[in-house]
Structures are given as structure tokens and as C-alpha cells.
Amino acid sequence: MAKKYYYIEEGAQKGAKFNSIEELKQAMWELFKDKMSKEEFENFIKDKIKEVEE
């Protein structure tokens, strides 16, 4: 089984699925880069990642 990583918004059951944490962060950074610093983003995103076995 391979690990997959989801970006989960509050209240959602499942979110966007990625093959790696790096891929997830890269994609999500594009959405948030105009709203916060890279350091703020790193702190924000760590609570939004869910690792699952598929």
C-alpha cells in the first residue's frame, strides 16, 4: 500500500489528494503565497495534512 496525503479544510471529510507532502505543499503554496509568508504557511499547512494508506 502506498501513502497518500490529503489537504483537509476544517469540516471536510476528504480534500485534495497528493502523492507526497512536498507535492501537496508546492500546490497549496500557489494558493496562499499572496496571503501569508512562507513561515506562516508552513505552520498553517501542517495542521491541514492527513496521511493515509491506500
PDB file of N, CA and C in Angstrom:
ATOM      1  N   MET A   1       0.835  -1.187   0.000  1.00  0.00           N
ATOM      2  CA  MET A   1       0.000   0.000   0.000  1.00  0.00           C
ATOM      3  C   MET A   1       0.882   1.253   0.000  1.00  0.00           C
ATOM      4  N   ALA A   2       0.463   2.238  -0.724  1.00  0.00           N
ATOM      5  CA  ALA A   2       1.204   3.488  -0.813  1.00  0.00           C
ATOM      6  C   ALA A   2       0.567   4.544   0.074  1.00  0.00           C
ATOM      7  N   LYS A   3       1.393   5.423   0.588  1.00  0.00           N
ATOM      8  CA  LYS A   3       0.875   6.524   1.382  1.00  0.00           C
ATOM      9  C   LYS A   3       0.390   7.627   0.456  1.00  0.00           C
ATOM     10  N   LYS A   4      -0.688   8.241   0.829  1.00  0.00           N
ATOM     11  CA  LYS A   4      -1.224   9.406   0.131  1.00  0.00           C
ATOM     12  C   LYS A   4      -1.420  10.495   1.173  1.00  0.00           C
ATOM     13  N   TYR A   5      -1.416  11.715   0.733  1.00  0.00           N
ATOM     14  CA  TYR A   5      -1.548  12.847   1.642  1.00  0.00           C
ATOM     15  C   TYR A   5      -2.694  13.722   1.169  1.00  0.00           C
ATOM     16  N   TYR A   6      -3.553  14.082   2.089  1.00  0.00           N
ATOM     17  CA  TYR A   6      -4.697  14.927   1.787  1.00  0.00           C
ATOM     18  C   TYR A   6      -4.534  16.285   2.444  1.00  0.00           C
ATOM     19  N   TYR A   7      -4.961  17.309   1.725  1.00  0.00           N
ATOM     20  CA  TYR A   7      -5.108  18.638   2.304  1.00  0.00           C
ATOM     21  C   TYR A   7      -6.563  18.710   2.724  1.00  0.00           C
ATOM     22  N   ILE A   8      -6.816  18.887   4.016  1.00  0.00           N
ATOM     23  CA  ILE A   8      -8.167  18.863   4.566  1.00  0.00           C
ATOM     24  C   ILE A   8      -8.537  20.234   5.120  1.00  0.00           C
ATOM     25  N   GLU A   9      -9.623  20.789   4.643  1.00  0.00           N
ATOM     26  CA  GLU A   9     -10.167  22.023   5.212  1.00  0.00           C
ATOM     27  C   GLU A   9     -11.049  21.653   6.389  1.00  0.00           C
ATOM     28  N   GLU A  10     -11.176  22.532   7.324  1.00  0.00           N
ATOM     29  CA  GLU A  10     -11.985  22.298   8.517  1.00  0.00           C
ATOM     30  C   GLU A  10     -13.401  21.889   8.128  1.00  0.00           C
ATOM     31  N   GLY A  11     -13.866  20.789   8.704  1.00  0.00           N
ATOM     32  CA  GLY A  11     -15.214  20.312   8.458  1.00  0.00           C
ATOM     33  C   GLY A  11     -15.347  19.390   7.259  1.00  0.00           C
ATOM     34  N   ALA A  12     -14.292  19.246   6.456  1.00  0.00           N
ATOM     35  CA  ALA A  12     -14.362  18.389   5.275  1.00  0.00           C
ATOM     36  C   ALA A  12     -14.005  16.952   5.629  1.00  0.00           C
ATOM     37  N   GLN A  13     -14.578  16.004   4.925  1.00  0.00           N
ATOM     38  CA  GLN A  13     -14.256  14.597   5.117  1.00  0.00           C
ATOM     39  C   GLN A  13     -12.960  14.236   4.396  1.00  0.00           C
ATOM     40  N   LYS A  14     -12.856  14.653   3.155  1.00  0.00           N
ATOM     41  CA  LYS A  14     -11.655  14.428   2.355  1.00  0.00           C
ATOM     42  C   LYS A  14     -11.366  15.698   1.585  1.00  0.00           C
ATOM     43  N   GLY A  15     -10.106  15.857   1.250  1.00  0.00           N
ATOM     44  CA  GLY A  15      -9.705  17.032   0.487  1.00  0.00           C
ATOM     45  C   GLY A  15      -8.933  16.623  -0.751  1.00  0.00           C
ATOM     46  N   ALA A  16      -8.098  17.534  -1.236  1.00  0.00           N
ATOM     47  CA  ALA A  16      -7.275  17.254  -2.402  1.00  0.00           C
ATOM     48  C   ALA A  16      -6.212  16.218  -2.043  1.00  0.00           C
ATOM     49  N   LYS A  17      -5.991  15.225  -2.923  1.00  0.00           N
ATOM     50  CA  LYS A  17      -5.070  14.125  -2.646  1.00  0.00           C
ATOM     51  C   LYS A  17      -3.758  14.340  -3.404  1.00  0.00           C
ATOM     52  N   PHE A  18      -2.641  14.060  -2.724  1.00  0.00           N
ATOM     53  CA  PHE A  18      -1.308  14.201  -3.310  1.00  0.00           C
ATOM     54  C   PHE A  18      -0.476  12.967  -2.999  1.00  0.00           C
ATOM     55  N   ASN A  19       0.541  12.722  -3.814  1.00  0.00           N
ATOM     56  CA  ASN A  19       1.411  11.571  -3.632  1.00  0.00           C
ATOM     57  C   ASN A  19       2.528  11.807  -2.625  1.00  0.00           C
ATOM     58  N   SER A  20       2.832  13.072  -2.321  1.00  0.00           N
ATOM     59  CA  SER A  20       3.875  13.380  -1.353  1.00  0.00           C
ATOM     60  C   SER A  20       3.531  14.684  -0.635  1.00  0.00           C
ATOM     61  N   ILE A  21       4.127  14.846   0.516  1.00  0.00           N
ATOM     62  CA  ILE A  21       3.921  16.089   1.265  1.00  0.00           C
ATOM     63  C   ILE A  21       4.507  17.257   0.483  1.00  0.00           C
ATOM     64  N   GLU A  22       5.637  17.053  -0.174  1.00  0.00           N
ATOM     65  CA  GLU A  22       6.262  18.124  -0.951  1.00  0.00           C
ATOM     66  C   GLU A  22       5.351  18.578  -2.093  1.00  0.00           C
ATOM     67  N   GLU A  23       4.728  17.615  -2.774  1.00  0.00           N
ATOM     68  CA  GLU A  23       3.796  17.932  -3.862  1.00  0.00           C
ATOM     69  C   GLU A  23       2.601  18.718  -3.321  1.00  0.00           C
ATOM     70  N   LEU A  24       2.084  18.295  -2.188  1.00  0.00           N
ATOM     71  CA  LEU A  24       0.953  18.972  -1.545  1.00  0.00           C
ATOM     72  C   LEU A  24       1.322  20.410  -1.215  1.00  0.00           C
ATOM     73  N   LYS A  25       2.463  20.591  -0.551  1.00  0.00           N
ATOM     74  CA  LYS A  25       2.885  21.939  -0.148  1.00  0.00           C
ATOM     75  C   LYS A  25       3.122  22.842  -1.343  1.00  0.00           C
ATOM     76  N   GLN A  26       3.734  22.309  -2.381  1.00  0.00           N
ATOM     77  CA  GLN A  26       4.003  23.109  -3.573  1.00  0.00           C
ATOM     78  C   GLN A  26       2.700  23.595  -4.205  1.00  0.00           C
ATOM     79  N   ALA A  27       1.743  22.710  -4.338  1.00  0.00           N
ATOM     80  CA  ALA A  27       0.461  23.075  -4.948  1.00  0.00           C
ATOM     81  C   ALA A  27      -0.309  24.064  -4.084  1.00  0.00           C
ATOM     82  N   MET A  28      -0.348  23.819  -2.782  1.00  0.00           N
ATOM     83  CA  MET A  28      -1.120  24.685  -1.896  1.00  0.00           C
ATOM     84  C   MET A  28      -0.456  26.044  -1.708  1.00  0.00           C
ATOM     85  N   TRP A  29       0.869  26.093  -1.771  1.00  0.00           N
ATOM     86  CA  TRP A  29       1.585  27.370  -1.628  1.00  0.00           C
ATOM     87  C   TRP A  29       1.139  28.347  -2.713  1.00  0.00           C
ATOM     88  N   GLU A  30       0.893  27.837  -3.915  1.00  0.00           N
ATOM     89  CA  GLU A  30       0.438  28.707  -5.006  1.00  0.00           C
ATOM     90  C   GLU A  30      -0.874  29.415  -4.657  1.00  0.00           C
ATOM     91  N   LEU A  31      -1.709  28.776  -3.873  1.00  0.00           N
ATOM     92  CA  LEU A  31      -2.982  29.384  -3.474  1.00  0.00           C
ATOM     93  C   LEU A  31      -2.837  30.388  -2.339  1.00  0.00           C
ATOM     94  N   PHE A  32      -1.830  30.207  -1.501  1.00  0.00           N
ATOM     95  CA  PHE A  32      -1.700  31.013  -0.288  1.00  0.00           C
ATOM     96  C   PHE A  32      -0.549  32.007  -0.294  1.00  0.00           C
ATOM     97  N   LYS A  33       0.310  31.988  -1.307  1.00  0.00           N
ATOM     98  CA  LYS A  33       1.524  32.804  -1.286  1.00  0.00           C
ATOM     99  C   LYS A  33       1.262  34.309  -1.225  1.00  0.00           C
ATOM    100  N   ASP A  34       0.124  34.758  -1.691  1.00  0.00           N
ATOM    101  CA  ASP A  34      -0.205  36.180  -1.633  1.00  0.00           C
ATOM    102  C   ASP A  34      -0.899  36.567  -0.333  1.00  0.00           C
ATOM    103  N   LYS A  35      -1.183  35.567   0.514  1.00  0.00           N
ATOM    104  CA  LYS A  35      -1.945  35.825   1.735  1.00  0.00           C
ATOM    105  C   LYS A  35      -1.112  35.710   3.005  1.00  0.00           C
ATOM    106  N   MET A  36       0.079  35.051   2.913  1.00  0.00           N
ATOM    107  CA  MET A  36       0.890  34.846   4.115  1.00  0.00           C
ATOM    108  C   MET A  36       2.333  34.585   3.726  1.00  0.00           C
ATOM    109  N   SER A  37       3.211  34.722   4.713  1.00  0.00           N
ATOM    110  CA  SER A  37       4.623  34.438   4.472  1.00  0.00           C
ATOM    111  C   SER A  37       4.833  32.932   4.379  1.00  0.00           C
ATOM    112  N   LYS A  38       5.992  32.526   3.879  1.00  0.00           N
ATOM    113  CA  LYS A  38       6.303  31.095   3.763  1.00  0.00           C
ATOM    114  C   LYS A  38       6.315  30.447   5.150  1.00  0.00           C
ATOM    115  N   GLU A  39       6.830  31.132   6.151  1.00  0.00           N
ATOM    116  CA  GLU A  39       6.850  30.603   7.522  1.00  0.00           C
ATOM    117  C   GLU A  39       5.429  30.430   8.065  1.00  0.00           C
ATOM    118  N   GLU A  40       4.578  31.422   7.851  1.00  0.00           N
ATOM    119  CA  GLU A  40       3.179  31.315   8.283  1.00  0.00           C
ATOM    120  C   GLU A  40       2.493  30.147   7.563  1.00  0.00           C
ATOM    121  N   PHE A  41       2.786  29.984   6.285  1.00  0.00           N
ATOM    122  CA  PHE A  41       2.208  28.895   5.506  1.00  0.00           C
ATOM    123  C   PHE A  41       2.627  27.540   6.071  1.00  0.00           C
ATOM    124  N   GLU A  42       3.908  27.372   6.378  1.00  0.00           N
ATOM    125  CA  GLU A  42       4.401  26.104   6.923  1.00  0.00           C
ATOM    126  C   GLU A  42       3.679  25.760   8.227  1.00  0.00           C
ATOM    127  N   ASN A  43       3.462  26.730   9.083  1.00  0.00           N
ATOM    128  CA  ASN A  43       2.734  26.494  10.336  1.00  0.00           C
ATOM    129  C   ASN A  43       1.259  26.191  10.081  1.00  0.00           C
ATOM    130  N   PHE A  44       0.674  26.880   9.128  1.00  0.00           N
ATOM    131  CA  PHE A  44      -0.728  26.707   8.775  1.00  0.00           C
ATOM    132  C   PHE A  44      -0.988  25.323   8.167  1.00  0.00           C
ATOM    133  N   ILE A  45      -0.133  24.919   7.240  1.00  0.00           N
ATOM    134  CA  ILE A  45      -0.394  23.712   6.459  1.00  0.00           C
ATOM    135  C   ILE A  45      -0.193  22.428   7.262  1.00  0.00           C
ATOM    136  N   LYS A  46       0.684  22.440   8.260  1.00  0.00           N
ATOM    137  CA  LYS A  46       0.973  21.198   8.984  1.00  0.00           C
ATOM    138  C   LYS A  46      -0.257  20.641   9.689  1.00  0.00           C
ATOM    139  N   ASP A  47      -1.201  21.494  10.068  1.00  0.00           N
ATOM    140  CA  ASP A  47      -2.427  21.033  10.718  1.00  0.00           C
ATOM    141  C   ASP A  47      -3.488  20.601   9.714  1.00  0.00           C
ATOM    142  N   LYS A  48      -3.231  20.800   8.437  1.00  0.00           N
ATOM    143  CA  LYS A  48      -4.213  20.504   7.402  1.00  0.00           C
ATOM    144  C   LYS A  48      -3.857  19.269   6.583  1.00  0.00           C
ATOM    145  N   ILE A  49      -2.751  18.596   6.930  1.00  0.00           N
ATOM    146  CA  ILE A  49      -2.313  17.427   6.174  1.00  0.00           C
ATOM    147  C   ILE A  49      -2.732  16.160   6.908  1.00  0.00           C
ATOM    148  N   LYS A  50      -3.349  15.261   6.161  1.00  0.00           N
ATOM    149  CA  LYS A  50      -3.733  13.963   6.710  1.00  0.00           C
ATOM    150  C   LYS A  50      -3.057  12.886   5.869  1.00  0.00           C
ATOM    151  N   GLU A  51      -2.307  11.994   6.522  1.00  0.00           N
ATOM    152  CA  GLU A  51      -1.614  10.908   5.835  1.00  0.00           C
ATOM    153  C   GLU A  51      -2.482   9.653   5.920  1.00  0.00           C
ATOM    154  N   VAL A  52      -2.675   8.978   4.785  1.00  0.00           N
ATOM    155  CA  VAL A  52      -3.487   7.760   4.745  1.00  0.00           C
ATOM    156  C   VAL A  52      -2.778   6.689   3.931  1.00  0.00           C
ATOM    157  N   GLU A  53      -3.068   5.441   4.227  1.00  0.00           N
ATOM    158  CA  GLU A  53      -2.573   4.305   3.448  1.00  0.00           C
ATOM    159  C   GLU A  53      -3.653   3.921   2.439  1.00  0.00           C
ATOM    160  N   GLU A  54      -3.267   3.788   1.194  1.00  0.00           N
ATOM    161  CA  GLU A  54      -4.224   3.381   0.156  1.00  0.00           C
ATOM    162  C   GLU A  54      -3.703   2.213  -0.622  1.00  0.00           C
TER     163      GLU A  54
END
